[in-house]
Amino acid sequence: MLDPLTAKRRDKLIGWESKGVHRMSEPQIADHPAQHRYELSVDGRLAARAEYRLEAGVISLIHTEVDPAYEGQGLASKLAAFVMQDIARRGLKAKLVCPFMAGYVKKHPEYEAIVAGG
């Protein structure tokens, strides 16, 4: 990761500053159990979410969605990694109903051990 001064120089060199391009801050991810979803926010705005159901030690991952304004930035993958790490940390299993989450685990076999029935 670039230090802020190096990043500022890079932005100036490639013309981002003069074009008014806004650099995205580091995404914030949190579980919101009352809403049954994980949320990823960028600059205080909800950018992505992963909806789930929790029953008897198994989190069923139902749906993942990224706001169209944030598509193509890898945010769904960042969210998926956080979700899988959180499920593992909590000693739970994941039921992969959501096609995106299933595809993510297929690409990242290190999470297969937390898949229910897997």
PDB file of N, CA and C in Angstrom:
ATOM      1  N   MET A   1       0.845  -1.186   0.000  1.00  0.00           N
ATOM      2  CA  MET A   1       0.000   0.000   0.000  1.00  0.00           C
ATOM      3  C   MET A   1       0.881   1.237   0.000  1.00  0.00           C
ATOM      4  N   LEU A   2       0.510   2.209  -0.787  1.00  0.00           N
ATOM      5  CA  LEU A   2       1.281   3.444  -0.881  1.00  0.00           C
ATOM      6  C   LEU A   2       1.017   4.342   0.319  1.00  0.00           C
ATOM      7  N   ASP A   3       2.077   5.009   0.767  1.00  0.00           N
ATOM      8  CA  ASP A   3       1.855   5.993   1.824  1.00  0.00           C
ATOM      9  C   ASP A   3       1.102   7.177   1.196  1.00  0.00           C
ATOM     10  N   PRO A   4       0.411   7.984   2.005  1.00  0.00           N
ATOM     11  CA  PRO A   4      -0.419   9.070   1.466  1.00  0.00           C
ATOM     12  C   PRO A   4       0.326  10.037   0.557  1.00  0.00           C
ATOM     13  N   LEU A   5       1.585  10.354   0.889  1.00  0.00           N
ATOM     14  CA  LEU A   5       2.346  11.287   0.068  1.00  0.00           C
ATOM     15  C   LEU A   5       2.650  10.680  -1.301  1.00  0.00           C
ATOM     16  N   THR A   6       3.062   9.409  -1.329  1.00  0.00           N
ATOM     17  CA  THR A   6       3.342   8.730  -2.591  1.00  0.00           C
ATOM     18  C   THR A   6       2.070   8.621  -3.422  1.00  0.00           C
ATOM     19  N   ALA A   7       0.948   8.302  -2.791  1.00  0.00           N
ATOM     20  CA  ALA A   7      -0.330   8.206  -3.503  1.00  0.00           C
ATOM     21  C   ALA A   7      -0.714   9.551  -4.099  1.00  0.00           C
ATOM     22  N   LYS A   8      -0.479  10.624  -3.362  1.00  0.00           N
ATOM     23  CA  LYS A   8      -0.817  11.963  -3.865  1.00  0.00           C
ATOM     24  C   LYS A   8       0.037  12.303  -5.087  1.00  0.00           C
ATOM     25  N   ARG A   9       1.334  11.965  -5.026  1.00  0.00           N
ATOM     26  CA  ARG A   9       2.216  12.207  -6.175  1.00  0.00           C
ATOM     27  C   ARG A   9       1.749  11.402  -7.380  1.00  0.00           C
ATOM     28  N   ARG A  10       1.398  10.134  -7.156  1.00  0.00           N
ATOM     29  CA  ARG A  10       0.924   9.285  -8.246  1.00  0.00           C
ATOM     30  C   ARG A  10      -0.340   9.875  -8.867  1.00  0.00           C
ATOM     31  N   ASP A  11      -1.278  10.308  -8.021  1.00  0.00           N
ATOM     32  CA  ASP A  11      -2.516  10.899  -8.516  1.00  0.00           C
ATOM     33  C   ASP A  11      -2.231  12.124  -9.382  1.00  0.00           C
ATOM     34  N   LYS A  12      -1.265  12.933  -8.950  1.00  0.00           N
ATOM     35  CA  LYS A  12      -0.921  14.138  -9.712  1.00  0.00           C
ATOM     36  C   LYS A  12      -0.288  13.763 -11.050  1.00  0.00           C
ATOM     37  N   LEU A  13       0.593  12.764 -11.033  1.00  0.00           N
ATOM     38  CA  LEU A  13       1.261  12.331 -12.256  1.00  0.00           C
ATOM     39  C   LEU A  13       0.279  11.803 -13.297  1.00  0.00           C
ATOM     40  N   ILE A  14      -0.729  11.049 -12.863  1.00  0.00           N
ATOM     41  CA  ILE A  14      -1.662  10.489 -13.841  1.00  0.00           C
ATOM     42  C   ILE A  14      -2.869  11.385 -14.072  1.00  0.00           C
ATOM     43  N   GLY A  15      -2.890  12.538 -13.428  1.00  0.00           N
ATOM     44  CA  GLY A  15      -3.901  13.535 -13.722  1.00  0.00           C
ATOM     45  C   GLY A  15      -5.201  13.398 -12.967  1.00  0.00           C
ATOM     46  N   TRP A  16      -5.254  12.574 -11.947  1.00  0.00           N
ATOM     47  CA  TRP A  16      -6.511  12.407 -11.208  1.00  0.00           C
ATOM     48  C   TRP A  16      -6.906  13.683 -10.488  1.00  0.00           C
ATOM     49  N   GLU A  17      -5.930  14.358  -9.890  1.00  0.00           N
ATOM     50  CA  GLU A  17      -6.252  15.567  -9.131  1.00  0.00           C
ATOM     51  C   GLU A  17      -6.881  16.625 -10.029  1.00  0.00           C
ATOM     52  N   SER A  18      -6.301  16.810 -11.200  1.00  0.00           N
ATOM     53  CA  SER A  18      -6.824  17.851 -12.080  1.00  0.00           C
ATOM     54  C   SER A  18      -8.177  17.488 -12.670  1.00  0.00           C
ATOM     55  N   LYS A  19      -8.484  16.203 -12.744  1.00  0.00           N
ATOM     56  CA  LYS A  19      -9.761  15.774 -13.306  1.00  0.00           C
ATOM     57  C   LYS A  19     -10.834  15.594 -12.237  1.00  0.00           C
ATOM     58  N   GLY A  20     -10.473  15.807 -10.989  1.00  0.00           N
ATOM     59  CA  GLY A  20     -11.449  15.704  -9.912  1.00  0.00           C
ATOM     60  C   GLY A  20     -11.847  14.278  -9.585  1.00  0.00           C
ATOM     61  N   VAL A  21     -11.003  13.302  -9.909  1.00  0.00           N
ATOM     62  CA  VAL A  21     -11.320  11.915  -9.591  1.00  0.00           C
ATOM     63  C   VAL A  21     -11.161  11.712  -8.093  1.00  0.00           C
ATOM     64  N   HIS A  22     -12.169  11.127  -7.484  1.00  0.00           N
ATOM     65  CA  HIS A  22     -12.157  10.875  -6.040  1.00  0.00           C
ATOM     66  C   HIS A  22     -11.577   9.501  -5.762  1.00  0.00           C
ATOM     67  N   ARG A  23     -10.597   9.443  -4.909  1.00  0.00           N
ATOM     68  CA  ARG A  23     -10.021   8.164  -4.513  1.00  0.00           C
ATOM     69  C   ARG A  23     -10.887   7.561  -3.430  1.00  0.00           C
ATOM     70  N   MET A  24     -11.257   6.317  -3.619  1.00  0.00           N
ATOM     71  CA  MET A  24     -12.116   5.601  -2.688  1.00  0.00           C
ATOM     72  C   MET A  24     -11.356   5.287  -1.403  1.00  0.00           C
ATOM     73  N   SER A  25     -11.987   5.511  -0.263  1.00  0.00           N
ATOM     74  CA  SER A  25     -11.371   5.162   1.007  1.00  0.00           C
ATOM     75  C   SER A  25     -11.483   3.651   1.215  1.00  0.00           C
ATOM     76  N   GLU A  26     -10.795   3.165   2.217  1.00  0.00           N
ATOM     77  CA  GLU A  26     -10.820   1.733   2.524  1.00  0.00           C
ATOM     78  C   GLU A  26     -12.235   1.327   2.940  1.00  0.00           C
ATOM     79  N   PRO A  27     -12.771   0.266   2.331  1.00  0.00           N
ATOM     80  CA  PRO A  27     -14.129  -0.171   2.682  1.00  0.00           C
ATOM     81  C   PRO A  27     -14.233  -0.609   4.140  1.00  0.00           C
ATOM     82  N   GLN A  28     -15.377  -0.356   4.737  1.00  0.00           N
ATOM     83  CA  GLN A  28     -15.676  -0.788   6.106  1.00  0.00           C
ATOM     84  C   GLN A  28     -16.724  -1.897   6.012  1.00  0.00           C
ATOM     85  N   ILE A  29     -16.487  -3.004   6.701  1.00  0.00           N
ATOM     86  CA  ILE A  29     -17.397  -4.140   6.637  1.00  0.00           C
ATOM     87  C   ILE A  29     -17.819  -4.512   8.045  1.00  0.00           C
ATOM     88  N   ALA A  30     -19.119  -4.782   8.212  1.00  0.00           N
ATOM     89  CA  ALA A  30     -19.643  -5.153   9.532  1.00  0.00           C
ATOM     90  C   ALA A  30     -20.848  -6.062   9.372  1.00  0.00           C
ATOM     91  N   ASP A  31     -21.049  -6.905  10.380  1.00  0.00           N
ATOM     92  CA  ASP A  31     -22.238  -7.745  10.457  1.00  0.00           C
ATOM     93  C   ASP A  31     -23.334  -6.932  11.142  1.00  0.00           C
ATOM     94  N   HIS A  32     -24.529  -6.984  10.583  1.00  0.00           N
ATOM     95  CA  HIS A  32     -25.692  -6.326  11.173  1.00  0.00           C
ATOM     96  C   HIS A  32     -26.749  -7.401  11.426  1.00  0.00           C
ATOM     97  N   PRO A  33     -26.626  -8.097  12.565  1.00  0.00           N
ATOM     98  CA  PRO A  33     -27.504  -9.239  12.848  1.00  0.00           C
ATOM     99  C   PRO A  33     -28.993  -8.901  12.838  1.00  0.00           C
ATOM    100  N   ALA A  34     -29.373  -7.725  13.284  1.00  0.00           N
ATOM    101  CA  ALA A  34     -30.797  -7.360  13.309  1.00  0.00           C
ATOM    102  C   ALA A  34     -31.389  -7.306  11.903  1.00  0.00           C
ATOM    103  N   GLN A  35     -30.552  -6.985  10.903  1.00  0.00           N
ATOM    104  CA  GLN A  35     -31.013  -6.936   9.510  1.00  0.00           C
ATOM    105  C   GLN A  35     -30.662  -8.226   8.756  1.00  0.00           C
ATOM    106  N   HIS A  36     -29.980  -9.150   9.434  1.00  0.00           N
ATOM    107  CA  HIS A  36     -29.569 -10.432   8.830  1.00  0.00           C
ATOM    108  C   HIS A  36     -28.711 -10.207   7.602  1.00  0.00           C
ATOM    109  N   ARG A  37     -27.723  -9.328   7.742  1.00  0.00           N
ATOM    110  CA  ARG A  37     -26.833  -9.095   6.607  1.00  0.00           C
ATOM    111  C   ARG A  37     -25.508  -8.491   7.043  1.00  0.00           C
ATOM    112  N   TYR A  38     -24.505  -8.738   6.215  1.00  0.00           N
ATOM    113  CA  TYR A  38     -23.220  -8.062   6.321  1.00  0.00           C
ATOM    114  C   TYR A  38     -23.298  -6.879   5.374  1.00  0.00           C
ATOM    115  N   GLU A  39     -22.694  -5.770   5.774  1.00  0.00           N
ATOM    116  CA  GLU A  39     -22.705  -4.580   4.932  1.00  0.00           C
ATOM    117  C   GLU A  39     -21.290  -4.073   4.715  1.00  0.00           C
ATOM    118  N   LEU A  40     -21.023  -3.665   3.485  1.00  0.00           N
ATOM    119  CA  LEU A  40     -19.754  -3.039   3.136  1.00  0.00           C
ATOM    120  C   LEU A  40     -20.065  -1.599   2.752  1.00  0.00           C
ATOM    121  N   SER A  41     -19.415  -0.667   3.432  1.00  0.00           N
ATOM    122  CA  SER A  41     -19.626   0.758   3.174  1.00  0.00           C
ATOM    123  C   SER A  41     -18.348   1.399   2.676  1.00  0.00           C
ATOM    124  N   VAL A  42     -18.506   2.361   1.778  1.00  0.00           N
ATOM    125  CA  VAL A  42     -17.388   3.141   1.255  1.00  0.00           C
ATOM    126  C   VAL A  42     -17.743   4.608   1.469  1.00  0.00           C
ATOM    127  N   ASP A  43     -16.861   5.313   2.135  1.00  0.00           N
ATOM    128  CA  ASP A  43     -17.096   6.733   2.424  1.00  0.00           C
ATOM    129  C   ASP A  43     -18.455   6.959   3.075  1.00  0.00           C
ATOM    130  N   GLY A  44     -18.857   6.024   3.954  1.00  0.00           N
ATOM    131  CA  GLY A  44     -20.115   6.160   4.680  1.00  0.00           C
ATOM    132  C   GLY A  44     -21.360   5.750   3.904  1.00  0.00           C
ATOM    133  N   ARG A  45     -21.198   5.298   2.665  1.00  0.00           N
ATOM    134  CA  ARG A  45     -22.349   4.883   1.844  1.00  0.00           C
ATOM    135  C   ARG A  45     -22.364   3.370   1.699  1.00  0.00           C
ATOM    136  N   LEU A  46     -23.541   2.782   1.816  1.00  0.00           N
ATOM    137  CA  LEU A  46     -23.686   1.344   1.618  1.00  0.00           C
ATOM    138  C   LEU A  46     -23.358   1.006   0.171  1.00  0.00           C
ATOM    139  N   ALA A  47     -22.354   0.155  -0.031  1.00  0.00           N
ATOM    140  CA  ALA A  47     -21.918  -0.194  -1.380  1.00  0.00           C
ATOM    141  C   ALA A  47     -22.241  -1.641  -1.738  1.00  0.00           C
ATOM    142  N   ALA A  48     -22.302  -2.517  -0.719  1.00  0.00           N
ATOM    143  CA  ALA A  48     -22.584  -3.933  -0.978  1.00  0.00           C
ATOM    144  C   ALA A  48     -23.149  -4.573   0.278  1.00  0.00           C
ATOM    145  N   ARG A  49     -23.870  -5.672   0.056  1.00  0.00           N
ATOM    146  CA  ARG A  49     -24.415  -6.401   1.211  1.00  0.00           C
ATOM    147  C   ARG A  49     -24.518  -7.881   0.883  1.00  0.00           C
ATOM    148  N   ALA A  50     -24.462  -8.681   1.931  1.00  0.00           N
ATOM    149  CA  ALA A  50     -24.643 -10.125   1.826  1.00  0.00           C
ATOM    150  C   ALA A  50     -25.709 -10.516   2.849  1.00  0.00           C
ATOM    151  N   GLU A  51     -26.847 -10.971   2.359  1.00  0.00           N
ATOM    152  CA  GLU A  51     -27.969 -11.328   3.234  1.00  0.00           C
ATOM    153  C   GLU A  51     -27.844 -12.791   3.659  1.00  0.00           C
ATOM    154  N   TYR A  52     -28.287 -13.067   4.891  1.00  0.00           N
ATOM    155  CA  TYR A  52     -28.167 -14.432   5.419  1.00  0.00           C
ATOM    156  C   TYR A  52     -29.292 -14.768   6.385  1.00  0.00           C
ATOM    157  N   ARG A  53     -29.384 -16.071   6.678  1.00  0.00           N
ATOM    158  CA  ARG A  53     -30.233 -16.596   7.749  1.00  0.00           C
ATOM    159  C   ARG A  53     -29.334 -17.411   8.660  1.00  0.00           C
ATOM    160  N   LEU A  54     -29.494 -17.267   9.965  1.00  0.00           N
ATOM    161  CA  LEU A  54     -28.712 -18.025  10.939  1.00  0.00           C
ATOM    162  C   LEU A  54     -29.631 -18.980  11.668  1.00  0.00           C
ATOM    163  N   GLU A  55     -29.328 -20.272  11.541  1.00  0.00           N
ATOM    164  CA  GLU A  55     -30.120 -21.293  12.222  1.00  0.00           C
ATOM    165  C   GLU A  55     -29.206 -22.428  12.664  1.00  0.00           C
ATOM    166  N   ALA A  56     -29.249 -22.767  13.930  1.00  0.00           N
ATOM    167  CA  ALA A  56     -28.552 -23.928  14.492  1.00  0.00           C
ATOM    168  C   ALA A  56     -27.093 -24.040  14.044  1.00  0.00           C
ATOM    169  N   GLY A  57     -26.342 -22.952  14.183  1.00  0.00           N
ATOM    170  CA  GLY A  57     -24.924 -22.986  13.883  1.00  0.00           C
ATOM    171  C   GLY A  57     -24.559 -22.943  12.405  1.00  0.00           C
ATOM    172  N   VAL A  58     -25.554 -22.698  11.559  1.00  0.00           N
ATOM    173  CA  VAL A  58     -25.311 -22.616  10.113  1.00  0.00           C
ATOM    174  C   VAL A  58     -25.819 -21.270   9.599  1.00  0.00           C
ATOM    175  N   ILE A  59     -24.961 -20.560   8.885  1.00  0.00           N
ATOM    176  CA  ILE A  59     -25.366 -19.314   8.235  1.00  0.00           C
ATOM    177  C   ILE A  59     -25.645 -19.643   6.770  1.00  0.00           C
ATOM    178  N   SER A  60     -26.898 -19.488   6.370  1.00  0.00           N
ATOM    179  CA  SER A  60     -27.267 -19.656   4.969  1.00  0.00           C
ATOM    180  C   SER A  60     -27.063 -18.323   4.276  1.00  0.00           C
ATOM    181  N   LEU A  61     -26.108 -18.292   3.358  1.00  0.00           N
ATOM    182  CA  LEU A  61     -25.817 -17.069   2.606  1.00  0.00           C
ATOM    183  C   LEU A  61     -26.739 -17.044   1.395  1.00  0.00           C
ATOM    184  N   ILE A  62     -27.688 -16.123   1.423  1.00  0.00           N
ATOM    185  CA  ILE A  62     -28.810 -16.128   0.485  1.00  0.00           C
ATOM    186  C   ILE A  62     -28.568 -15.256  -0.744  1.00  0.00           C
ATOM    187  N   HIS A  63     -28.049 -14.052  -0.537  1.00  0.00           N
ATOM    188  CA  HIS A  63     -27.965 -13.095  -1.648  1.00  0.00           C
ATOM    189  C   HIS A  63     -26.851 -12.095  -1.393  1.00  0.00           C
ATOM    190  N   THR A  64     -26.087 -11.811  -2.436  1.00  0.00           N
ATOM    191  CA  THR A  64     -25.047 -10.782  -2.376  1.00  0.00           C
ATOM    192  C   THR A  64     -25.354  -9.765  -3.457  1.00  0.00           C
ATOM    193  N   GLU A  65     -25.254  -8.490  -3.098  1.00  0.00           N
ATOM    194  CA  GLU A  65     -25.580  -7.436  -4.052  1.00  0.00           C
ATOM    195  C   GLU A  65     -24.613  -6.268  -3.883  1.00  0.00           C
ATOM    196  N   VAL A  66     -24.193  -5.702  -5.028  1.00  0.00           N
ATOM    197  CA  VAL A  66     -23.331  -4.529  -5.046  1.00  0.00           C
ATOM    198  C   VAL A  66     -24.092  -3.401  -5.737  1.00  0.00           C
ATOM    199  N   ASP A  67     -24.077  -2.225  -5.135  1.00  0.00           N
ATOM    200  CA  ASP A  67     -24.683  -1.041  -5.750  1.00  0.00           C
ATOM    201  C   ASP A  67     -24.017  -0.828  -7.103  1.00  0.00           C
ATOM    202  N   PRO A  68     -24.794  -0.600  -8.160  1.00  0.00           N
ATOM    203  CA  PRO A  68     -24.209  -0.409  -9.495  1.00  0.00           C
ATOM    204  C   PRO A  68     -23.107   0.648  -9.558  1.00  0.00           C
ATOM    205  N   ALA A  69     -23.165   1.650  -8.716  1.00  0.00           N
ATOM    206  CA  ALA A  69     -22.139   2.696  -8.707  1.00  0.00           C
ATOM    207  C   ALA A  69     -20.782   2.167  -8.264  1.00  0.00           C
ATOM    208  N   TYR A  70     -20.757   0.989  -7.628  1.00  0.00           N
ATOM    209  CA  TYR A  70     -19.517   0.431  -7.097  1.00  0.00           C
ATOM    210  C   TYR A  70     -19.098  -0.864  -7.777  1.00  0.00           C
ATOM    211  N   GLU A  71     -19.805  -1.268  -8.815  1.00  0.00           N
ATOM    212  CA  GLU A  71     -19.477  -2.519  -9.500  1.00  0.00           C
ATOM    213  C   GLU A  71     -18.101  -2.450 -10.149  1.00  0.00           C
ATOM    214  N   GLY A  72     -17.490  -3.615 -10.287  1.00  0.00           N
ATOM    215  CA  GLY A  72     -16.204  -3.714 -10.974  1.00  0.00           C
ATOM    216  C   GLY A  72     -15.007  -3.292 -10.155  1.00  0.00           C
ATOM    217  N   GLN A  73     -15.160  -3.142  -8.847  1.00  0.00           N
ATOM    218  CA  GLN A  73     -14.067  -2.702  -7.978  1.00  0.00           C
ATOM    219  C   GLN A  73     -13.611  -3.794  -7.019  1.00  0.00           C
ATOM    220  N   GLY A  74     -14.165  -5.001  -7.172  1.00  0.00           N
ATOM    221  CA  GLY A  74     -13.770  -6.106  -6.305  1.00  0.00           C
ATOM    222  C   GLY A  74     -14.389  -6.073  -4.925  1.00  0.00           C
ATOM    223  N   LEU A  75     -15.408  -5.260  -4.729  1.00  0.00           N
ATOM    224  CA  LEU A  75     -16.002  -5.130  -3.395  1.00  0.00           C
ATOM    225  C   LEU A  75     -16.748  -6.388  -2.966  1.00  0.00           C
ATOM    226  N   ALA A  76     -17.406  -7.069  -3.902  1.00  0.00           N
ATOM    227  CA  ALA A  76     -18.120  -8.303  -3.544  1.00  0.00           C
ATOM    228  C   ALA A  76     -17.137  -9.352  -3.038  1.00  0.00           C
ATOM    229  N   SER A  77     -15.973  -9.425  -3.654  1.00  0.00           N
ATOM    230  CA  SER A  77     -14.955 -10.383  -3.194  1.00  0.00           C
ATOM    231  C   SER A  77     -14.408 -10.005  -1.822  1.00  0.00           C
ATOM    232  N   LYS A  78     -14.221  -8.717  -1.574  1.00  0.00           N
ATOM    233  CA  LYS A  78     -13.775  -8.280  -0.245  1.00  0.00           C
ATOM    234  C   LYS A  78     -14.829  -8.633   0.798  1.00  0.00           C
ATOM    235  N   LEU A  79     -16.088  -8.421   0.446  1.00  0.00           N
ATOM    236  CA  LEU A  79     -17.181  -8.753   1.357  1.00  0.00           C
ATOM    237  C   LEU A  79     -17.215 -10.252   1.605  1.00  0.00           C
ATOM    238  N   ALA A  80     -17.100 -11.043   0.550  1.00  0.00           N
ATOM    239  CA  ALA A  80     -17.132 -12.504   0.688  1.00  0.00           C
ATOM    240  C   ALA A  80     -15.994 -12.993   1.581  1.00  0.00           C
ATOM    241  N   ALA A  81     -14.793 -12.457   1.407  1.00  0.00           N
ATOM    242  CA  ALA A  81     -13.667 -12.865   2.241  1.00  0.00           C
ATOM    243  C   ALA A  81     -13.937 -12.551   3.705  1.00  0.00           C
ATOM    244  N   PHE A  82     -14.473 -11.374   3.979  1.00  0.00           N
ATOM    245  CA  PHE A  82     -14.797 -10.994   5.352  1.00  0.00           C
ATOM    246  C   PHE A  82     -15.838 -11.941   5.935  1.00  0.00           C
ATOM    247  N   VAL A  83     -16.881 -12.222   5.157  1.00  0.00           N
ATOM    248  CA  VAL A  83     -17.966 -13.113   5.620  1.00  0.00           C
ATOM    249  C   VAL A  83     -17.401 -14.492   5.962  1.00  0.00           C
ATOM    250  N   MET A  84     -16.595 -15.055   5.068  1.00  0.00           N
ATOM    251  CA  MET A  84     -16.034 -16.398   5.300  1.00  0.00           C
ATOM    252  C   MET A  84     -15.132 -16.408   6.528  1.00  0.00           C
ATOM    253  N   GLN A  85     -14.311 -15.377   6.683  1.00  0.00           N
ATOM    254  CA  GLN A  85     -13.437 -15.299   7.854  1.00  0.00           C
ATOM    255  C   GLN A  85     -14.240 -15.161   9.134  1.00  0.00           C
ATOM    256  N   ASP A  86     -15.319 -14.396   9.086  1.00  0.00           N
ATOM    257  CA  ASP A  86     -16.160 -14.210  10.267  1.00  0.00           C
ATOM    258  C   ASP A  86     -16.872 -15.511  10.645  1.00  0.00           C
ATOM    259  N   ILE A  87     -17.374 -16.220   9.657  1.00  0.00           N
ATOM    260  CA  ILE A  87     -18.044 -17.499   9.910  1.00  0.00           C
ATOM    261  C   ILE A  87     -17.057 -18.477  10.546  1.00  0.00           C
ATOM    262  N   ALA A  88     -15.854 -18.557  10.003  1.00  0.00           N
ATOM    263  CA  ALA A  88     -14.827 -19.443  10.562  1.00  0.00           C
ATOM    264  C   ALA A  88     -14.466 -19.032  11.979  1.00  0.00           C
ATOM    265  N   ARG A  89     -14.278 -17.743  12.191  1.00  0.00           N
ATOM    266  CA  ARG A  89     -13.915 -17.237  13.530  1.00  0.00           C
ATOM    267  C   ARG A  89     -14.966 -17.586  14.568  1.00  0.00           C
ATOM    268  N   ARG A  90     -16.224 -17.552  14.151  1.00  0.00           N
ATOM    269  CA  ARG A  90     -17.331 -17.832  15.070  1.00  0.00           C
ATOM    270  C   ARG A  90     -17.606 -19.327  15.232  1.00  0.00           C
ATOM    271  N   GLY A  91     -16.869 -20.164  14.500  1.00  0.00           N
ATOM    272  CA  GLY A  91     -17.043 -21.610  14.614  1.00  0.00           C
ATOM    273  C   GLY A  91     -18.341 -22.106  13.997  1.00  0.00           C
ATOM    274  N   LEU A  92     -18.856 -21.386  13.008  1.00  0.00           N
ATOM    275  CA  LEU A  92     -20.109 -21.746  12.351  1.00  0.00           C
ATOM    276  C   LEU A  92     -19.823 -22.413  11.010  1.00  0.00           C
ATOM    277  N   LYS A  93     -20.866 -22.870  10.355  1.00  0.00           N
ATOM    278  CA  LYS A  93     -20.787 -23.429   9.007  1.00  0.00           C
ATOM    279  C   LYS A  93     -21.563 -22.516   8.060  1.00  0.00           C
ATOM    280  N   ALA A  94     -21.220 -22.577   6.780  1.00  0.00           N
ATOM    281  CA  ALA A  94     -21.877 -21.761   5.763  1.00  0.00           C
ATOM    282  C   ALA A  94     -22.642 -22.650   4.795  1.00  0.00           C
ATOM    283  N   LYS A  95     -23.885 -22.301   4.542  1.00  0.00           N
ATOM    284  CA  LYS A  95     -24.682 -22.942   3.495  1.00  0.00           C
ATOM    285  C   LYS A  95     -24.703 -21.946   2.336  1.00  0.00           C
ATOM    286  N   LEU A  96     -24.196 -22.372   1.186  1.00  0.00           N
ATOM    287  CA  LEU A  96     -23.989 -21.456   0.066  1.00  0.00           C
ATOM    288  C   LEU A  96     -25.170 -21.472  -0.904  1.00  0.00           C
ATOM    289  N   VAL A  97     -26.212 -20.729  -0.584  1.00  0.00           N
ATOM    290  CA  VAL A  97     -27.385 -20.597  -1.440  1.00  0.00           C
ATOM    291  C   VAL A  97     -27.093 -19.577  -2.546  1.00  0.00           C
ATOM    292  N   CYS A  98     -26.395 -18.528  -2.220  1.00  0.00           N
ATOM    293  CA  CYS A  98     -26.050 -17.451  -3.150  1.00  0.00           C
ATOM    294  C   CYS A  98     -25.010 -17.945  -4.164  1.00  0.00           C
ATOM    295  N   PRO A  99     -25.312 -17.826  -5.462  1.00  0.00           N
ATOM    296  CA  PRO A  99     -24.352 -18.271  -6.482  1.00  0.00           C
ATOM    297  C   PRO A  99     -22.994 -17.559  -6.409  1.00  0.00           C
ATOM    298  N   PHE A 100     -22.999 -16.272  -6.063  1.00  0.00           N
ATOM    299  CA  PHE A 100     -21.721 -15.568  -5.962  1.00  0.00           C
ATOM    300  C   PHE A 100     -20.866 -16.162  -4.856  1.00  0.00           C
ATOM    301  N   MET A 101     -21.462 -16.395  -3.677  1.00  0.00           N
ATOM    302  CA  MET A 101     -20.702 -16.952  -2.556  1.00  0.00           C
ATOM    303  C   MET A 101     -20.203 -18.363  -2.885  1.00  0.00           C
ATOM    304  N   ALA A 102     -21.023 -19.152  -3.554  1.00  0.00           N
ATOM    305  CA  ALA A 102     -20.605 -20.499  -3.952  1.00  0.00           C
ATOM    306  C   ALA A 102     -19.412 -20.416  -4.902  1.00  0.00           C
ATOM    307  N   GLY A 103     -19.474 -19.497  -5.862  1.00  0.00           N
ATOM    308  CA  GLY A 103     -18.364 -19.312  -6.789  1.00  0.00           C
ATOM    309  C   GLY A 103     -17.110 -18.818  -6.097  1.00  0.00           C
ATOM    310  N   TYR A 104     -17.281 -17.959  -5.100  1.00  0.00           N
ATOM    311  CA  TYR A 104     -16.142 -17.438  -4.354  1.00  0.00           C
ATOM    312  C   TYR A 104     -15.417 -18.574  -3.637  1.00  0.00           C
ATOM    313  N   VAL A 105     -16.180 -19.446  -2.976  1.00  0.00           N
ATOM    314  CA  VAL A 105     -15.567 -20.564  -2.245  1.00  0.00           C
ATOM    315  C   VAL A 105     -14.893 -21.528  -3.222  1.00  0.00           C
ATOM    316  N   LYS A 106     -15.477 -21.705  -4.395  1.00  0.00           N
ATOM    317  CA  LYS A 106     -14.867 -22.575  -5.403  1.00  0.00           C
ATOM    318  C   LYS A 106     -13.493 -22.034  -5.818  1.00  0.00           C
ATOM    319  N   LYS A 107     -13.367 -20.713  -5.901  1.00  0.00           N
ATOM    320  CA  LYS A 107     -12.090 -20.083  -6.258  1.00  0.00           C
ATOM    321  C   LYS A 107     -11.129 -19.992  -5.076  1.00  0.00           C
ATOM    322  N   HIS A 108     -11.664 -20.142  -3.864  1.00  0.00           N
ATOM    323  CA  HIS A 108     -10.863 -20.020  -2.634  1.00  0.00           C
ATOM    324  C   HIS A 108     -11.104 -21.258  -1.767  1.00  0.00           C
ATOM    325  N   PRO A 109     -10.496 -22.380  -2.138  1.00  0.00           N
ATOM    326  CA  PRO A 109     -10.758 -23.651  -1.436  1.00  0.00           C
ATOM    327  C   PRO A 109     -10.379 -23.649   0.041  1.00  0.00           C
ATOM    328  N   GLU A 110      -9.653 -22.636   0.494  1.00  0.00           N
ATOM    329  CA  GLU A 110      -9.315 -22.578   1.922  1.00  0.00           C
ATOM    330  C   GLU A 110     -10.559 -22.440   2.797  1.00  0.00           C
ATOM    331  N   TYR A 111     -11.688 -22.070   2.190  1.00  0.00           N
ATOM    332  CA  TYR A 111     -12.923 -21.920   2.951  1.00  0.00           C
ATOM    333  C   TYR A 111     -13.839 -23.150   2.869  1.00  0.00           C
ATOM    334  N   GLU A 112     -13.451 -24.173   2.111  1.00  0.00           N
ATOM    335  CA  GLU A 112     -14.295 -25.358   1.959  1.00  0.00           C
ATOM    336  C   GLU A 112     -14.607 -26.032   3.300  1.00  0.00           C
ATOM    337  N   ALA A 113     -13.685 -25.936   4.249  1.00  0.00           N
ATOM    338  CA  ALA A 113     -13.871 -26.597   5.554  1.00  0.00           C
ATOM    339  C   ALA A 113     -15.046 -26.020   6.336  1.00  0.00           C
ATOM    340  N   ILE A 114     -15.473 -24.804   6.025  1.00  0.00           N
ATOM    341  CA  ILE A 114     -16.591 -24.216   6.777  1.00  0.00           C
ATOM    342  C   ILE A 114     -17.927 -24.390   6.059  1.00  0.00           C
ATOM    343  N   VAL A 115     -17.913 -25.027   4.890  1.00  0.00           N
ATOM    344  CA  VAL A 115     -19.162 -25.220   4.137  1.00  0.00           C
ATOM    345  C   VAL A 115     -19.941 -26.380   4.758  1.00  0.00           C
ATOM    346  N   ALA A 116     -21.200 -26.120   5.071  1.00  0.00           N
ATOM    347  CA  ALA A 116     -22.072 -27.158   5.645  1.00  0.00           C
ATOM    348  C   ALA A 116     -22.228 -28.295   4.641  1.00  0.00           C
ATOM    349  N   GLY A 117     -21.993 -29.499   5.122  1.00  0.00           N
ATOM    350  CA  GLY A 117     -22.117 -30.667   4.254  1.00  0.00           C
ATOM    351  C   GLY A 117     -20.926 -30.847   3.323  1.00  0.00           C
ATOM    352  N   GLY A 118     -19.913 -29.990   3.478  1.00  0.00           N
ATOM    353  CA  GLY A 118     -18.764 -30.048   2.572  1.00  0.00           C
ATOM    354  C   GLY A 118     -17.560 -30.735   3.139  1.00  0.00           C
TER     355      GLY A 118
END
